Amino acid sequence: MDSRGNFNSTIILEKGTNGKYIRGVQGLRNGYNSALKAASVYKVAGQVVGGLGLVVTAIQWDQGQISGTEAAFDAAFGFIGFMGPIVAGVSATYFIGKVGYEYLSGNTVFEKPR
């Protein structure tokens, strides 16, 4: 967005046909590159946390803390989270909803093993 509130394409951040950058966009170009680097770091961190979540689900199921049905749903939504940023929202909604419901109601979504 420029100083007048107009949205511009990111094309202005690229080199022109003469091999030079457009004057006055140095800060914008650096901010754009920094945002791309930060996004890649968060993506890797999200994948690590998602992988750990799948491991924890497997351990909980193996130790009888959760049922096979709950483990299957948790694993499925965990894998869905790896499919991209849009469907990661579906995964996050499932887990946030599950935690919220169980915390606020005191009930469990899935029946716990005995």
PDB file of N, CA and C in Angstrom:
ATOM      1  N   MET A   1       0.860  -1.153   0.000  1.00  0.00           N
ATOM      2  CA  MET A   1       0.000   0.000   0.000  1.00  0.00           C
ATOM      3  C   MET A   1       0.918   1.230   0.000  1.00  0.00           C
ATOM      4  N   ASP A   2       0.616   2.168  -0.847  1.00  0.00           N
ATOM      5  CA  ASP A   2       1.442   3.374  -0.892  1.00  0.00           C
ATOM      6  C   ASP A   2       0.913   4.419   0.090  1.00  0.00           C
ATOM      7  N   SER A   3       1.556   5.577   0.107  1.00  0.00           N
ATOM      8  CA  SER A   3       1.197   6.617   1.078  1.00  0.00           C
ATOM      9  C   SER A   3      -0.215   7.160   0.874  1.00  0.00           C
ATOM     10  N   ARG A   4      -0.771   6.944  -0.298  1.00  0.00           N
ATOM     11  CA  ARG A   4      -2.133   7.418  -0.580  1.00  0.00           C
ATOM     12  C   ARG A   4      -3.186   6.345  -0.299  1.00  0.00           C
ATOM     13  N   GLY A   5      -2.755   5.170   0.155  1.00  0.00           N
ATOM     14  CA  GLY A   5      -3.703   4.108   0.460  1.00  0.00           C
ATOM     15  C   GLY A   5      -4.012   3.201  -0.717  1.00  0.00           C
ATOM     16  N   ASN A   6      -3.298   3.363  -1.834  1.00  0.00           N
ATOM     17  CA  ASN A   6      -3.512   2.526  -3.006  1.00  0.00           C
ATOM     18  C   ASN A   6      -2.697   1.246  -2.891  1.00  0.00           C
ATOM     19  N   PHE A   7      -3.303   0.133  -3.263  1.00  0.00           N
ATOM     20  CA  PHE A   7      -2.589  -1.130  -3.239  1.00  0.00           C
ATOM     21  C   PHE A   7      -1.840  -1.310  -4.550  1.00  0.00           C
ATOM     22  N   ASN A   8      -0.568  -1.695  -4.449  1.00  0.00           N
ATOM     23  CA  ASN A   8       0.261  -1.942  -5.618  1.00  0.00           C
ATOM     24  C   ASN A   8       0.658  -3.407  -5.652  1.00  0.00           C
ATOM     25  N   SER A   9       0.983  -3.873  -6.824  1.00  0.00           N
ATOM     26  CA  SER A   9       1.461  -5.240  -6.986  1.00  0.00           C
ATOM     27  C   SER A   9       2.873  -5.346  -6.420  1.00  0.00           C
ATOM     28  N   THR A  10       3.266  -6.557  -6.069  1.00  0.00           N
ATOM     29  CA  THR A  10       4.637  -6.758  -5.590  1.00  0.00           C
ATOM     30  C   THR A  10       5.638  -6.717  -6.743  1.00  0.00           C
ATOM     31  N   ILE A  11       5.162  -6.546  -7.959  1.00  0.00           N
ATOM     32  CA  ILE A  11       6.048  -6.452  -9.118  1.00  0.00           C
ATOM     33  C   ILE A  11       7.001  -5.263  -8.966  1.00  0.00           C
ATOM     34  N   ILE A  12       6.555  -4.217  -8.281  1.00  0.00           N
ATOM     35  CA  ILE A  12       7.420  -3.045  -8.131  1.00  0.00           C
ATOM     36  C   ILE A  12       8.640  -3.355  -7.275  1.00  0.00           C
ATOM     37  N   LEU A  13       8.645  -4.474  -6.562  1.00  0.00           N
ATOM     38  CA  LEU A  13       9.776  -4.846  -5.732  1.00  0.00           C
ATOM     39  C   LEU A  13      10.848  -5.593  -6.514  1.00  0.00           C
ATOM     40  N   GLU A  14      10.547  -5.959  -7.761  1.00  0.00           N
ATOM     41  CA  GLU A  14      11.482  -6.707  -8.590  1.00  0.00           C
ATOM     42  C   GLU A  14      12.322  -5.760  -9.439  1.00  0.00           C
ATOM     43  N   LYS A  15      13.399  -6.285 -10.001  1.00  0.00           N
ATOM     44  CA  LYS A  15      14.247  -5.486 -10.890  1.00  0.00           C
ATOM     45  C   LYS A  15      13.483  -5.157 -12.160  1.00  0.00           C
ATOM     46  N   GLY A  16      13.737  -3.979 -12.652  1.00  0.00           N
ATOM     47  CA  GLY A  16      13.111  -3.569 -13.905  1.00  0.00           C
ATOM     48  C   GLY A  16      13.867  -4.131 -15.094  1.00  0.00           C
ATOM     49  N   THR A  17      13.428  -3.796 -16.299  1.00  0.00           N
ATOM     50  CA  THR A  17      14.075  -4.294 -17.516  1.00  0.00           C
ATOM     51  C   THR A  17      15.494  -3.772 -17.656  1.00  0.00           C
ATOM     52  N   ASN A  18      15.790  -2.644 -17.019  1.00  0.00           N
ATOM     53  CA  ASN A  18      17.150  -2.098 -17.075  1.00  0.00           C
ATOM     54  C   ASN A  18      18.070  -2.727 -16.036  1.00  0.00           C
ATOM     55  N   GLY A  19      17.571  -3.684 -15.252  1.00  0.00           N
ATOM     56  CA  GLY A  19      18.378  -4.360 -14.254  1.00  0.00           C
ATOM     57  C   GLY A  19      18.467  -3.627 -12.931  1.00  0.00           C
ATOM     58  N   LYS A  20      17.731  -2.524 -12.807  1.00  0.00           N
ATOM     59  CA  LYS A  20      17.769  -1.744 -11.575  1.00  0.00           C
ATOM     60  C   LYS A  20      16.416  -1.812 -10.882  1.00  0.00           C
ATOM     61  N   TYR A  21      16.444  -1.526  -9.580  1.00  0.00           N
ATOM     62  CA  TYR A  21      15.210  -1.481  -8.806  1.00  0.00           C
ATOM     63  C   TYR A  21      14.563  -0.107  -8.939  1.00  0.00           C
ATOM     64  N   ILE A  22      13.269  -0.063  -8.759  1.00  0.00           N
ATOM     65  CA  ILE A  22      12.553   1.212  -8.773  1.00  0.00           C
ATOM     66  C   ILE A  22      12.981   2.004  -7.549  1.00  0.00           C
ATOM     67  N   ARG A  23      13.252   3.281  -7.742  1.00  0.00           N
ATOM     68  CA  ARG A  23      13.691   4.123  -6.636  1.00  0.00           C
ATOM     69  C   ARG A  23      12.576   4.267  -5.604  1.00  0.00           C
ATOM     70  N   GLY A  24      12.964   4.243  -4.333  1.00  0.00           N
ATOM     71  CA  GLY A  24      12.003   4.497  -3.270  1.00  0.00           C
ATOM     72  C   GLY A  24      11.315   3.275  -2.707  1.00  0.00           C
ATOM     73  N   VAL A  25      11.660   2.079  -3.180  1.00  0.00           N
ATOM     74  CA  VAL A  25      11.001   0.885  -2.661  1.00  0.00           C
ATOM     75  C   VAL A  25      11.971  -0.021  -1.897  1.00  0.00           C
ATOM     76  N   GLN A  26      13.147   0.497  -1.559  1.00  0.00           N
ATOM     77  CA  GLN A  26      14.133  -0.320  -0.857  1.00  0.00           C
ATOM     78  C   GLN A  26      13.556  -0.883   0.447  1.00  0.00           C
ATOM     79  N   GLY A  27      12.944  -0.042   1.259  1.00  0.00           N
ATOM     80  CA  GLY A  27      12.370  -0.512   2.519  1.00  0.00           C
ATOM     81  C   GLY A  27      11.249  -1.512   2.307  1.00  0.00           C
ATOM     82  N   LEU A  28      10.431  -1.292   1.277  1.00  0.00           N
ATOM     83  CA  LEU A  28       9.353  -2.234   0.970  1.00  0.00           C
ATOM     84  C   LEU A  28       9.914  -3.585   0.565  1.00  0.00           C
ATOM     85  N   ARG A  29      10.971  -3.567  -0.276  1.00  0.00           N
ATOM     86  CA  ARG A  29      11.554  -4.813  -0.758  1.00  0.00           C
ATOM     87  C   ARG A  29      12.169  -5.584   0.414  1.00  0.00           C
ATOM     88  N   ASN A  30      12.877  -4.882   1.297  1.00  0.00           N
ATOM     89  CA  ASN A  30      13.471  -5.546   2.452  1.00  0.00           C
ATOM     90  C   ASN A  30      12.401  -6.107   3.386  1.00  0.00           C
ATOM     91  N   GLY A  31      11.315  -5.366   3.600  1.00  0.00           N
ATOM     92  CA  GLY A  31      10.224  -5.845   4.437  1.00  0.00           C
ATOM     93  C   GLY A  31       9.565  -7.084   3.852  1.00  0.00           C
ATOM     94  N   TYR A  32       9.403  -7.090   2.542  1.00  0.00           N
ATOM     95  CA  TYR A  32       8.795  -8.220   1.845  1.00  0.00           C
ATOM     96  C   TYR A  32       9.678  -9.458   2.003  1.00  0.00           C
ATOM     97  N   ASN A  33      10.984  -9.293   1.805  1.00  0.00           N
ATOM     98  CA  ASN A  33      11.914 -10.424   1.938  1.00  0.00           C
ATOM     99  C   ASN A  33      11.954 -10.928   3.381  1.00  0.00           C
ATOM    100  N   SER A  34      11.918 -10.021   4.342  1.00  0.00           N
ATOM    101  CA  SER A  34      11.907 -10.427   5.751  1.00  0.00           C
ATOM    102  C   SER A  34      10.649 -11.214   6.081  1.00  0.00           C
ATOM    103  N   ALA A  35       9.516 -10.782   5.541  1.00  0.00           N
ATOM    104  CA  ALA A  35       8.262 -11.494   5.775  1.00  0.00           C
ATOM    105  C   ALA A  35       8.309 -12.904   5.187  1.00  0.00           C
ATOM    106  N   LEU A  36       8.912 -13.054   4.004  1.00  0.00           N
ATOM    107  CA  LEU A  36       9.029 -14.384   3.399  1.00  0.00           C
ATOM    108  C   LEU A  36       9.903 -15.294   4.249  1.00  0.00           C
ATOM    109  N   LYS A  37      11.011 -14.757   4.768  1.00  0.00           N
ATOM    110  CA  LYS A  37      11.892 -15.558   5.620  1.00  0.00           C
ATOM    111  C   LYS A  37      11.182 -15.958   6.913  1.00  0.00           C
ATOM    112  N   ALA A  38      10.470 -15.030   7.524  1.00  0.00           N
ATOM    113  CA  ALA A  38       9.752 -15.326   8.768  1.00  0.00           C
ATOM    114  C   ALA A  38       8.683 -16.387   8.525  1.00  0.00           C
ATOM    115  N   ALA A  39       7.985 -16.285   7.406  1.00  0.00           N
ATOM    116  CA  ALA A  39       6.939 -17.258   7.092  1.00  0.00           C
ATOM    117  C   ALA A  39       7.525 -18.658   6.944  1.00  0.00           C
ATOM    118  N   SER A  40       8.711 -18.766   6.338  1.00  0.00           N
ATOM    119  CA  SER A  40       9.310 -20.092   6.178  1.00  0.00           C
ATOM    120  C   SER A  40       9.736 -20.669   7.524  1.00  0.00           C
ATOM    121  N   VAL A  41      10.196 -19.814   8.443  1.00  0.00           N
ATOM    122  CA  VAL A  41      10.568 -20.283   9.782  1.00  0.00           C
ATOM    123  C   VAL A  41       9.331 -20.781  10.526  1.00  0.00           C
ATOM    124  N   TYR A  42       8.233 -20.035  10.443  1.00  0.00           N
ATOM    125  CA  TYR A  42       6.999 -20.459  11.112  1.00  0.00           C
ATOM    126  C   TYR A  42       6.449 -21.739  10.497  1.00  0.00           C
ATOM    127  N   LYS A  43       6.628 -21.917   9.203  1.00  0.00           N
ATOM    128  CA  LYS A  43       6.157 -23.132   8.549  1.00  0.00           C
ATOM    129  C   LYS A  43       6.906 -24.348   9.095  1.00  0.00           C
ATOM    130  N   VAL A  44       8.220 -24.241   9.199  1.00  0.00           N
ATOM    131  CA  VAL A  44       9.022 -25.347   9.725  1.00  0.00           C
ATOM    132  C   VAL A  44       8.654 -25.616  11.184  1.00  0.00           C
ATOM    133  N   ALA A  45       8.502 -24.560  11.969  1.00  0.00           N
ATOM    134  CA  ALA A  45       8.128 -24.727  13.379  1.00  0.00           C
ATOM    135  C   ALA A  45       6.775 -25.421  13.491  1.00  0.00           C
ATOM    136  N   GLY A  46       5.836 -25.049  12.644  1.00  0.00           N
ATOM    137  CA  GLY A  46       4.516 -25.682  12.652  1.00  0.00           C
ATOM    138  C   GLY A  46       4.585 -27.154  12.295  1.00  0.00           C
ATOM    139  N   GLN A  47       5.457 -27.488  11.356  1.00  0.00           N
ATOM    140  CA  GLN A  47       5.606 -28.892  10.986  1.00  0.00           C
ATOM    141  C   GLN A  47       6.222 -29.710  12.114  1.00  0.00           C
ATOM    142  N   VAL A  48       7.187 -29.123  12.814  1.00  0.00           N
ATOM    143  CA  VAL A  48       7.804 -29.823  13.949  1.00  0.00           C
ATOM    144  C   VAL A  48       6.772 -30.057  15.049  1.00  0.00           C
ATOM    145  N   VAL A  49       6.009 -29.019  15.384  1.00  0.00           N
ATOM    146  CA  VAL A  49       4.987 -29.150  16.429  1.00  0.00           C
ATOM    147  C   VAL A  49       3.913 -30.152  16.005  1.00  0.00           C
ATOM    148  N   GLY A  50       3.518 -30.121  14.738  1.00  0.00           N
ATOM    149  CA  GLY A  50       2.534 -31.082  14.242  1.00  0.00           C
ATOM    150  C   GLY A  50       3.037 -32.514  14.331  1.00  0.00           C
ATOM    151  N   GLY A  51       4.309 -32.717  13.988  1.00  0.00           N
ATOM    152  CA  GLY A  51       4.904 -34.047  14.096  1.00  0.00           C
ATOM    153  C   GLY A  51       4.958 -34.528  15.531  1.00  0.00           C
ATOM    154  N   LEU A  52       5.314 -33.634  16.443  1.00  0.00           N
ATOM    155  CA  LEU A  52       5.327 -33.993  17.864  1.00  0.00           C
ATOM    156  C   LEU A  52       3.920 -34.333  18.348  1.00  0.00           C
ATOM    157  N   GLY A  53       2.928 -33.607  17.851  1.00  0.00           N
ATOM    158  CA  GLY A  53       1.541 -33.897  18.216  1.00  0.00           C
ATOM    159  C   GLY A  53       1.125 -35.288  17.785  1.00  0.00           C
ATOM    160  N   LEU A  54       1.560 -35.707  16.592  1.00  0.00           N
ATOM    161  CA  LEU A  54       1.233 -37.059  16.128  1.00  0.00           C
ATOM    162  C   LEU A  54       1.922 -38.114  16.991  1.00  0.00           C
ATOM    163  N   VAL A  55       3.154 -37.830  17.405  1.00  0.00           N
ATOM    164  CA  VAL A  55       3.867 -38.767  18.279  1.00  0.00           C
ATOM    165  C   VAL A  55       3.165 -38.881  19.632  1.00  0.00           C
ATOM    166  N   VAL A  56       2.736 -37.745  20.179  1.00  0.00           N
ATOM    167  CA  VAL A  56       2.032 -37.751  21.465  1.00  0.00           C
ATOM    168  C   VAL A  56       0.723 -38.527  21.348  1.00  0.00           C
ATOM    169  N   THR A  57       0.006 -38.354  20.242  1.00  0.00           N
ATOM    170  CA  THR A  57      -1.237 -39.105  20.028  1.00  0.00           C
ATOM    171  C   THR A  57      -0.963 -40.603  20.032  1.00  0.00           C
ATOM    172  N   ALA A  58       0.095 -41.017  19.336  1.00  0.00           N
ATOM    173  CA  ALA A  58       0.437 -42.441  19.281  1.00  0.00           C
ATOM    174  C   ALA A  58       0.780 -42.971  20.674  1.00  0.00           C
ATOM    175  N   ILE A  59       1.523 -42.204  21.444  1.00  0.00           N
ATOM    176  CA  ILE A  59       1.892 -42.625  22.806  1.00  0.00           C
ATOM    177  C   ILE A  59       0.655 -42.725  23.697  1.00  0.00           C
ATOM    178  N   GLN A  60      -0.234 -41.720  23.607  1.00  0.00           N
ATOM    179  CA  GLN A  60      -1.457 -41.751  24.424  1.00  0.00           C
ATOM    180  C   GLN A  60      -2.310 -42.979  24.087  1.00  0.00           C
ATOM    181  N   TRP A  61      -2.431 -43.276  22.809  1.00  0.00           N
ATOM    182  CA  TRP A  61      -3.221 -44.446  22.396  1.00  0.00           C
ATOM    183  C   TRP A  61      -2.566 -45.734  22.869  1.00  0.00           C
ATOM    184  N   ASP A  62      -1.237 -45.816  22.726  1.00  0.00           N
ATOM    185  CA  ASP A  62      -0.503 -47.010  23.128  1.00  0.00           C
ATOM    186  C   ASP A  62      -0.619 -47.259  24.635  1.00  0.00           C
ATOM    187  N   GLN A  63      -0.660 -46.195  25.424  1.00  0.00           N
ATOM    188  CA  GLN A  63      -0.750 -46.328  26.883  1.00  0.00           C
ATOM    189  C   GLN A  63      -2.197 -46.407  27.378  1.00  0.00           C
ATOM    190  N   GLY A  64      -3.160 -46.398  26.463  1.00  0.00           N
ATOM    191  CA  GLY A  64      -4.562 -46.540  26.837  1.00  0.00           C
ATOM    192  C   GLY A  64      -5.195 -45.275  27.400  1.00  0.00           C
ATOM    193  N   GLN A  65      -4.576 -44.121  27.151  1.00  0.00           N
ATOM    194  CA  GLN A  65      -5.134 -42.860  27.653  1.00  0.00           C
ATOM    195  C   GLN A  65      -6.268 -42.352  26.780  1.00  0.00           C
ATOM    196  N   ILE A  66      -6.248 -42.703  25.493  1.00  0.00           N
ATOM    197  CA  ILE A  66      -7.319 -42.316  24.572  1.00  0.00           C
ATOM    198  C   ILE A  66      -7.752 -43.537  23.781  1.00  0.00           C
ATOM    199  N   SER A  67      -8.977 -43.491  23.284  1.00  0.00           N
ATOM    200  CA  SER A  67      -9.510 -44.626  22.523  1.00  0.00           C
ATOM    201  C   SER A  67      -8.944 -44.625  21.104  1.00  0.00           C
ATOM    202  N   GLY A  68      -9.138 -45.733  20.427  1.00  0.00           N
ATOM    203  CA  GLY A  68      -8.696 -45.842  19.036  1.00  0.00           C
ATOM    204  C   GLY A  68      -9.412 -44.857  18.134  1.00  0.00           C
ATOM    205  N   THR A  69     -10.687 -44.603  18.425  1.00  0.00           N
ATOM    206  CA  THR A  69     -11.457 -43.640  17.637  1.00  0.00           C
ATOM    207  C   THR A  69     -10.879 -42.242  17.792  1.00  0.00           C
ATOM    208  N   GLU A  70     -10.602 -41.854  19.025  1.00  0.00           N
ATOM    209  CA  GLU A  70     -10.039 -40.524  19.266  1.00  0.00           C
ATOM    210  C   GLU A  70      -8.654 -40.409  18.635  1.00  0.00           C
ATOM    211  N   ALA A  71      -7.850 -41.470  18.751  1.00  0.00           N
ATOM    212  CA  ALA A  71      -6.512 -41.455  18.153  1.00  0.00           C
ATOM    213  C   ALA A  71      -6.601 -41.319  16.631  1.00  0.00           C
ATOM    214  N   ALA A  72      -7.571 -42.004  16.021  1.00  0.00           N
ATOM    215  CA  ALA A  72      -7.734 -41.923  14.570  1.00  0.00           C
ATOM    216  C   ALA A  72      -8.136 -40.518  14.138  1.00  0.00           C
ATOM    217  N   PHE A  73      -9.090 -39.915  14.845  1.00  0.00           N
ATOM    218  CA  PHE A  73      -9.505 -38.552  14.509  1.00  0.00           C
ATOM    219  C   PHE A  73      -8.363 -37.560  14.712  1.00  0.00           C
ATOM    220  N   ASP A  74      -7.670 -37.681  15.843  1.00  0.00           N
ATOM    221  CA  ASP A  74      -6.553 -36.770  16.122  1.00  0.00           C
ATOM    222  C   ASP A  74      -5.456 -36.916  15.066  1.00  0.00           C
ATOM    223  N   ALA A  75      -5.141 -38.157  14.700  1.00  0.00           N
ATOM    224  CA  ALA A  75      -4.114 -38.377  13.684  1.00  0.00           C
ATOM    225  C   ALA A  75      -4.559 -37.848  12.324  1.00  0.00           C
ATOM    226  N   ALA A  76      -5.816 -38.091  11.964  1.00  0.00           N
ATOM    227  CA  ALA A  76      -6.322 -37.613  10.672  1.00  0.00           C
ATOM    228  C   ALA A  76      -6.268 -36.083  10.588  1.00  0.00           C
ATOM    229  N   PHE A  77      -6.739 -35.416  11.618  1.00  0.00           N
ATOM    230  CA  PHE A  77      -6.700 -33.958  11.603  1.00  0.00           C
ATOM    231  C   PHE A  77      -5.271 -33.434  11.744  1.00  0.00           C
ATOM    232  N   GLY A  78      -4.410 -34.213  12.390  1.00  0.00           N
ATOM    233  CA  GLY A  78      -3.000 -33.840  12.448  1.00  0.00           C
ATOM    234  C   GLY A  78      -2.367 -33.884  11.066  1.00  0.00           C
ATOM    235  N   PHE A  79      -2.657 -34.933  10.297  1.00  0.00           N
ATOM    236  CA  PHE A  79      -2.134 -35.034   8.936  1.00  0.00           C
ATOM    237  C   PHE A  79      -2.735 -33.966   8.024  1.00  0.00           C
ATOM    238  N   ILE A  80      -4.002 -33.639   8.224  1.00  0.00           N
ATOM    239  CA  ILE A  80      -4.642 -32.590   7.426  1.00  0.00           C
ATOM    240  C   ILE A  80      -3.895 -31.271   7.598  1.00  0.00           C
ATOM    241  N   GLY A  81      -3.379 -31.026   8.795  1.00  0.00           N
ATOM    242  CA  GLY A  81      -2.647 -29.795   9.057  1.00  0.00           C
ATOM    243  C   GLY A  81      -1.393 -29.638   8.221  1.00  0.00           C
ATOM    244  N   PHE A  82      -0.846 -30.742   7.686  1.00  0.00           N
ATOM    245  CA  PHE A  82       0.357 -30.687   6.853  1.00  0.00           C
ATOM    246  C   PHE A  82       0.052 -30.383   5.388  1.00  0.00           C
ATOM    247  N   MET A  83      -1.201 -30.350   5.002  1.00  0.00           N
ATOM    248  CA  MET A  83      -1.571 -30.241   3.589  1.00  0.00           C
ATOM    249  C   MET A  83      -1.550 -28.827   3.029  1.00  0.00           C
ATOM    250  N   GLY A  84      -1.352 -27.851   3.838  1.00  0.00           N
ATOM    251  CA  GLY A  84      -1.283 -26.486   3.331  1.00  0.00           C
ATOM    252  C   GLY A  84      -1.922 -25.516   4.290  1.00  0.00           C
ATOM    253  N   PRO A  85      -1.689 -24.223   4.038  1.00  0.00           N
ATOM    254  CA  PRO A  85      -2.157 -23.214   4.991  1.00  0.00           C
ATOM    255  C   PRO A  85      -3.676 -23.116   5.107  1.00  0.00           C
ATOM    256  N   ILE A  86      -4.392 -23.369   4.043  1.00  0.00           N
ATOM    257  CA  ILE A  86      -5.849 -23.222   4.088  1.00  0.00           C
ATOM    258  C   ILE A  86      -6.472 -24.360   4.887  1.00  0.00           C
ATOM    259  N   VAL A  87      -6.087 -25.601   4.591  1.00  0.00           N
ATOM    260  CA  VAL A  87      -6.669 -26.727   5.313  1.00  0.00           C
ATOM    261  C   VAL A  87      -6.067 -26.872   6.707  1.00  0.00           C
ATOM    262  N   ALA A  88      -4.940 -26.213   6.969  1.00  0.00           N
ATOM    263  CA  ALA A  88      -4.396 -26.213   8.329  1.00  0.00           C
ATOM    264  C   ALA A  88      -5.393 -25.544   9.273  1.00  0.00           C
ATOM    265  N   GLY A  89      -6.177 -24.616   8.752  1.00  0.00           N
ATOM    266  CA  GLY A  89      -7.221 -23.980   9.550  1.00  0.00           C
ATOM    267  C   GLY A  89      -8.289 -24.971   9.977  1.00  0.00           C
ATOM    268  N   VAL A  90      -8.578 -25.938   9.122  1.00  0.00           N
ATOM    269  CA  VAL A  90      -9.550 -26.983   9.462  1.00  0.00           C
ATOM    270  C   VAL A  90      -9.007 -27.796  10.628  1.00  0.00           C
ATOM    271  N   SER A  91      -7.742 -28.152  10.554  1.00  0.00           N
ATOM    272  CA  SER A  91      -7.101 -28.911  11.625  1.00  0.00           C
ATOM    273  C   SER A  91      -7.097 -28.111  12.925  1.00  0.00           C
ATOM    274  N   ALA A  92      -6.715 -26.861  12.847  1.00  0.00           N
ATOM    275  CA  ALA A  92      -6.675 -26.011  14.040  1.00  0.00           C
ATOM    276  C   ALA A  92      -8.067 -25.856  14.647  1.00  0.00           C
ATOM    277  N   THR A  93      -9.079 -25.714  13.801  1.00  0.00           N
ATOM    278  CA  THR A  93     -10.455 -25.580  14.285  1.00  0.00           C
ATOM    279  C   THR A  93     -10.885 -26.830  15.049  1.00  0.00           C
ATOM    280  N   TYR A  94     -10.531 -28.002  14.527  1.00  0.00           N
ATOM    281  CA  TYR A  94     -10.870 -29.259  15.217  1.00  0.00           C
ATOM    282  C   TYR A  94     -10.241 -29.294  16.606  1.00  0.00           C
ATOM    283  N   PHE A  95      -8.933 -29.055  16.671  1.00  0.00           N
ATOM    284  CA  PHE A  95      -8.235 -29.170  17.954  1.00  0.00           C
ATOM    285  C   PHE A  95      -8.648 -28.080  18.940  1.00  0.00           C
ATOM    286  N   ILE A  96      -8.808 -26.869  18.473  1.00  0.00           N
ATOM    287  CA  ILE A  96      -9.244 -25.781  19.357  1.00  0.00           C
ATOM    288  C   ILE A  96     -10.665 -26.046  19.853  1.00  0.00           C
ATOM    289  N   GLY A  97     -11.533 -26.503  18.947  1.00  0.00           N
ATOM    290  CA  GLY A  97     -12.911 -26.828  19.329  1.00  0.00           C
ATOM    291  C   GLY A  97     -12.976 -27.962  20.331  1.00  0.00           C
ATOM    292  N   LYS A  98     -12.150 -28.974  20.118  1.00  0.00           N
ATOM    293  CA  LYS A  98     -12.126 -30.126  21.022  1.00  0.00           C
ATOM    294  C   LYS A  98     -11.658 -29.705  22.416  1.00  0.00           C
ATOM    295  N   VAL A  99     -10.566 -28.983  22.475  1.00  0.00           N
ATOM    296  CA  VAL A  99     -10.040 -28.518  23.764  1.00  0.00           C
ATOM    297  C   VAL A  99     -11.039 -27.582  24.442  1.00  0.00           C
ATOM    298  N   GLY A 100     -11.606 -26.656  23.667  1.00  0.00           N
ATOM    299  CA  GLY A 100     -12.572 -25.712  24.229  1.00  0.00           C
ATOM    300  C   GLY A 100     -13.796 -26.401  24.784  1.00  0.00           C
ATOM    301  N   TYR A 101     -14.331 -27.359  24.026  1.00  0.00           N
ATOM    302  CA  TYR A 101     -15.515 -28.084  24.483  1.00  0.00           C
ATOM    303  C   TYR A 101     -15.226 -28.857  25.758  1.00  0.00           C
ATOM    304  N   GLU A 102     -14.107 -29.586  25.759  1.00  0.00           N
ATOM    305  CA  GLU A 102     -13.785 -30.395  26.929  1.00  0.00           C
ATOM    306  C   GLU A 102     -13.493 -29.533  28.151  1.00  0.00           C
ATOM    307  N   TYR A 103     -12.846 -28.393  27.952  1.00  0.00           N
ATOM    308  CA  TYR A 103     -12.520 -27.510  29.073  1.00  0.00           C
ATOM    309  C   TYR A 103     -13.770 -26.829  29.627  1.00  0.00           C
ATOM    310  N   LEU A 104     -14.594 -26.295  28.724  1.00  0.00           N
ATOM    311  CA  LEU A 104     -15.758 -25.523  29.169  1.00  0.00           C
ATOM    312  C   LEU A 104     -16.895 -26.396  29.696  1.00  0.00           C
ATOM    313  N   SER A 105     -17.094 -27.559  29.085  1.00  0.00           N
ATOM    314  CA  SER A 105     -18.227 -28.396  29.490  1.00  0.00           C
ATOM    315  C   SER A 105     -17.857 -29.421  30.561  1.00  0.00           C
ATOM    316  N   GLY A 106     -16.597 -29.775  30.644  1.00  0.00           N
ATOM    317  CA  GLY A 106     -16.190 -30.825  31.576  1.00  0.00           C
ATOM    318  C   GLY A 106     -16.440 -32.224  31.027  1.00  0.00           C
ATOM    319  N   ASN A 107     -17.024 -32.311  29.844  1.00  0.00           N
ATOM    320  CA  ASN A 107     -17.268 -33.593  29.180  1.00  0.00           C
ATOM    321  C   ASN A 107     -16.161 -33.856  28.168  1.00  0.00           C
ATOM    322  N   THR A 108     -16.095 -35.086  27.682  1.00  0.00           N
ATOM    323  CA  THR A 108     -15.132 -35.409  26.641  1.00  0.00           C
ATOM    324  C   THR A 108     -15.861 -35.590  25.317  1.00  0.00           C
ATOM    325  N   VAL A 109     -15.177 -35.300  24.230  1.00  0.00           N
ATOM    326  CA  VAL A 109     -15.760 -35.478  22.900  1.00  0.00           C
ATOM    327  C   VAL A 109     -15.863 -36.971  22.603  1.00  0.00           C
ATOM    328  N   PHE A 110     -14.817 -37.718  22.925  1.00  0.00           N
ATOM    329  CA  PHE A 110     -14.787 -39.147  22.706  1.00  0.00           C
ATOM    330  C   PHE A 110     -14.794 -39.872  24.046  1.00  0.00           C
ATOM    331  N   GLU A 111     -15.363 -41.045  24.037  1.00  0.00           N
ATOM    332  CA  GLU A 111     -15.386 -41.825  25.276  1.00  0.00           C
ATOM    333  C   GLU A 111     -13.973 -42.296  25.586  1.00  0.00           C
ATOM    334  N   LYS A 112     -13.580 -42.160  26.823  1.00  0.00           N
ATOM    335  CA  LYS A 112     -12.235 -42.559  27.248  1.00  0.00           C
ATOM    336  C   LYS A 112     -12.202 -44.042  27.559  1.00  0.00           C
ATOM    337  N   PRO A 113     -11.101 -44.725  27.288  1.00  0.00           N
ATOM    338  CA  PRO A 113     -11.003 -46.144  27.633  1.00  0.00           C
ATOM    339  C   PRO A 113     -11.009 -46.335  29.143  1.00  0.00           C
ATOM    340  N   ARG A 114     -11.431 -47.469  29.555  1.00  0.00           N
ATOM    341  CA  ARG A 114     -11.529 -47.741  31.003  1.00  0.00           C
ATOM    342  C   ARG A 114     -10.293 -48.394  31.518  1.00  0.00           C
TER     343      ARG A 114
END
